[in-house]
Amino acid sequence: MRETAASRAVTRVLVNTGHGKGKSSAAFGVMGRAWARDWKVAVVQFVKGGKWNTGERKLADHLGIEWHTLGDGFTWLSKDLDETAAKNRHAWDVATEKLSSGDYDLVILDELTYTITYGWLAADEVVAGITGRHARTNVVITGRDAAPELVEIADTVTEMRKIKHALDIGIGARKGIEY
């Protein structure tokens, strides 16, 4: 189904982008709000993977929210970028099924922007999947450097800008704050 002015009045596409912290955290805030309104929610994580035991995932499991972490972790740690790309293309296949199914009120596509930036998916393919989603499905997209095509189809775009970050002075991620 192609997005129309009428369907946009009901559903939304939000993009959280930029180099500051909080893009995924803001998306998971929407996740909690949607759950509290009895919405059916799915999360598809791109890029992220490995053994991270995040607070957001624990919360989603506790709330019964469907969650798919389908990447293989930080790209700079990848031993095989072709495999990393393949995993992220598979994540897109999972995401498009969720978007088009009509089963979800909200689908969060966490770190999706990187799939376009790294050339694993074409921007027009991603745009088609999002604009062709089921009429009841709202979407939140996160990640740095959102493609102009994603910005154009979004209803709300927020850019997180880093002023300073603890990591800059050697303070690592803290459980409960960053993950």
Protein backbone atom coordinates (compact mmCIF):
# COMPACT_ATOMS: atom_id res chain seq x y z
CA MET A 1 0.00 0.00 0.00
CA ARG A 2 1.40 3.35 -1.02
CA GLU A 3 1.42 6.02 1.65
CA THR A 4 -1.21 8.73 1.19
CA ALA A 5 -2.11 11.93 3.00
CA ALA A 6 -4.99 10.06 4.67
CA SER A 7 -2.78 7.25 5.99
CA ARG A 8 -0.17 9.75 7.14
CA ALA A 9 -2.82 11.41 9.28
CA VAL A 10 -3.05 8.16 11.23
CA THR A 11 0.47 6.67 11.18
CA ARG A 12 3.90 8.24 11.46
CA VAL A 13 7.47 7.76 10.34
CA LEU A 14 10.03 9.11 12.81
CA VAL A 15 13.76 9.32 12.18
CA ASN A 16 16.28 9.79 15.00
CA THR A 17 19.65 10.60 13.47
CA GLY A 18 22.85 12.51 14.18
CA HIS A 19 26.12 11.88 15.98
CA GLY A 20 24.82 12.44 19.51
CA LYS A 21 23.73 9.83 22.03
CA GLY A 22 20.08 8.96 22.46
CA LYS A 23 18.75 7.91 19.06
CA SER A 24 17.92 4.35 20.05
CA SER A 25 17.01 5.37 23.59
CA ALA A 26 14.41 7.78 22.22
CA ALA A 27 13.03 5.04 19.95
CA PHE A 28 12.73 2.69 22.92
CA GLY A 29 10.88 5.40 24.80
CA VAL A 30 8.32 5.32 21.97
CA MET A 31 8.32 1.53 22.31
CA GLY A 32 7.31 1.82 25.96
CA ARG A 33 4.65 4.40 25.19
CA ALA A 34 3.22 2.21 22.42
CA TRP A 35 3.18 -0.85 24.68
CA ALA A 36 1.35 1.19 27.35
CA ARG A 37 -1.34 1.92 24.72
CA ASP A 38 -1.75 -1.80 23.96
CA TRP A 39 -0.02 -1.52 20.61
CA LYS A 40 1.70 -4.53 19.09
CA VAL A 41 5.37 -3.64 18.70
CA ALA A 42 8.33 -5.23 16.91
CA VAL A 43 11.97 -4.17 17.03
CA VAL A 44 14.43 -5.10 14.28
CA GLN A 45 18.04 -4.23 15.06
CA PHE A 46 20.50 -3.81 12.23
CA VAL A 47 24.29 -3.87 12.75
CA LYS A 48 23.97 -4.57 16.51
CA GLY A 49 24.60 -8.12 17.54
CA GLY A 50 26.94 -10.26 19.50
CA LYS A 51 26.64 -10.82 23.22
CA TRP A 52 25.32 -7.42 24.34
CA ASN A 53 22.80 -7.87 27.12
CA THR A 54 21.06 -4.50 26.92
CA GLY A 55 18.55 -3.07 29.33
CA GLU A 56 16.23 -2.25 26.42
CA ARG A 57 16.16 -5.88 25.34
CA LYS A 58 15.52 -7.05 28.90
CA LEU A 59 12.65 -4.56 29.14
CA ALA A 60 11.19 -5.69 25.81
CA ASP A 61 11.38 -9.34 26.89
CA HIS A 62 9.66 -8.46 30.17
CA LEU A 63 6.88 -6.62 28.30
CA GLY A 64 6.45 -9.33 25.66
CA ILE A 65 7.65 -7.13 22.80
CA GLU A 66 8.96 -8.97 19.75
CA TRP A 67 12.70 -8.28 19.28
CA HIS A 68 15.12 -9.30 16.54
CA THR A 69 18.85 -8.52 16.86
CA LEU A 70 20.14 -9.62 13.47
CA GLY A 71 23.50 -7.95 12.91
CA ASP A 72 26.83 -9.29 14.06
CA GLY A 73 28.06 -6.36 16.11
CA PHE A 74 30.24 -3.36 15.48
CA THR A 75 31.36 -3.22 11.85
CA TRP A 76 34.92 -2.31 12.83
CA LEU A 77 35.15 -5.65 14.64
CA SER A 78 33.74 -7.67 11.73
CA LYS A 79 35.96 -10.47 10.50
CA ASP A 80 33.92 -10.77 7.27
CA LEU A 81 32.17 -7.65 5.93
CA ASP A 82 30.40 -9.68 3.23
CA GLU A 83 28.79 -11.78 5.97
CA THR A 84 27.96 -8.60 7.92
CA ALA A 85 26.27 -7.17 4.81
CA ALA A 86 24.34 -10.41 4.25
CA LYS A 87 23.09 -10.43 7.85
CA ASN A 88 21.86 -6.87 7.49
CA ARG A 89 20.12 -7.62 4.18
CA HIS A 90 18.42 -10.53 5.98
CA ALA A 91 17.39 -8.11 8.74
CA TRP A 92 15.77 -5.95 6.05
CA ASP A 93 13.84 -8.99 4.78
CA VAL A 94 12.55 -9.55 8.32
CA ALA A 95 11.73 -5.86 8.66
CA THR A 96 9.79 -5.68 5.38
CA GLU A 97 7.70 -8.67 6.44
CA LYS A 98 6.86 -6.91 9.72
CA LEU A 99 6.14 -3.60 7.96
CA SER A 100 3.77 -5.09 5.39
CA SER A 101 2.03 -7.71 7.53
CA GLY A 102 -0.58 -5.52 9.20
CA ASP A 103 0.23 -7.25 12.50
CA TYR A 104 2.05 -4.32 14.11
CA ASP A 105 1.14 -0.85 15.26
CA LEU A 106 4.82 0.09 15.61
CA VAL A 107 8.00 -1.26 14.04
CA ILE A 108 11.32 0.11 15.25
CA LEU A 109 14.17 -0.19 12.75
CA ASP A 110 17.16 0.39 15.00
CA GLU A 111 20.38 1.40 13.22
CA LEU A 112 18.75 1.02 9.79
CA THR A 113 20.50 4.11 8.40
CA TYR A 114 23.85 2.30 8.30
CA THR A 115 22.56 -0.24 5.78
CA ILE A 116 22.20 2.58 3.26
CA THR A 117 25.38 4.40 4.29
CA TYR A 118 27.45 1.23 3.85
CA GLY A 119 25.76 0.34 0.55
CA TRP A 120 24.17 -2.88 1.81
CA LEU A 121 20.71 -1.66 0.78
CA ALA A 122 19.65 0.91 -1.79
CA ALA A 123 17.85 3.95 -0.41
CA ASP A 124 14.99 3.53 -2.90
CA GLU A 125 14.44 -0.07 -1.72
CA VAL A 126 14.23 1.05 1.90
CA VAL A 127 11.93 3.96 1.03
CA ALA A 128 9.66 1.59 -0.91
CA GLY A 129 9.46 -0.77 2.06
CA ILE A 130 8.59 2.02 4.46
CA THR A 131 6.12 3.87 2.25
CA GLY A 132 4.56 0.56 1.19
CA ARG A 133 4.02 -0.56 4.78
CA HIS A 134 0.60 -1.53 6.09
CA ALA A 135 -1.65 1.44 6.82
CA ARG A 136 -1.77 0.74 10.58
CA THR A 137 2.00 0.56 11.06
CA ASN A 138 4.04 3.42 12.51
CA VAL A 139 7.82 3.34 12.06
CA VAL A 140 10.79 4.66 14.03
CA ILE A 141 14.19 4.60 12.29
CA THR A 142 17.48 5.24 14.07
CA GLY A 143 21.11 5.71 13.12
CA ARG A 144 23.65 8.30 12.12
CA ASP A 145 23.66 10.09 8.77
CA ALA A 146 20.09 9.34 7.66
CA ALA A 147 19.88 9.36 3.87
CA PRO A 148 18.07 12.37 2.40
CA GLU A 149 15.47 9.96 1.00
CA LEU A 150 14.60 8.81 4.54
CA VAL A 151 14.45 12.38 5.80
CA GLU A 152 12.09 13.26 2.97
CA ILE A 153 9.52 10.54 3.74
CA ALA A 154 9.64 11.05 7.52
CA ASP A 155 7.00 13.01 9.37
CA THR A 156 9.38 13.87 12.21
CA VAL A 157 13.18 13.96 12.05
CA THR A 158 15.26 14.63 15.14
CA GLU A 159 18.98 15.14 14.95
CA MET A 160 20.91 14.26 18.08
CA ARG A 161 24.01 16.45 18.27
CA LYS A 162 26.96 15.54 20.45
CA ILE A 163 28.21 18.36 22.64
CA LYS A 164 30.48 16.08 24.67
CA HIS A 165 30.53 12.41 25.58
CA ALA A 166 32.18 10.54 28.45
CA LEU A 167 33.80 8.18 25.95
CA ASP A 168 35.83 11.15 24.62
CA ILE A 169 37.77 11.19 27.90
CA GLY A 170 38.06 7.44 28.24
CA ILE A 171 34.98 6.71 30.35
CA GLY A 172 33.40 3.55 28.97
CA ALA A 173 29.75 2.62 28.59
CA ARG A 174 27.84 2.06 31.82
CA LYS A 175 25.17 -0.57 32.30
CA GLY A 176 21.87 1.22 32.93
CA ILE A 177 22.97 4.41 31.17
CA GLU A 178 24.32 3.40 27.74
CA TYR A 179 22.99 -0.13 27.60
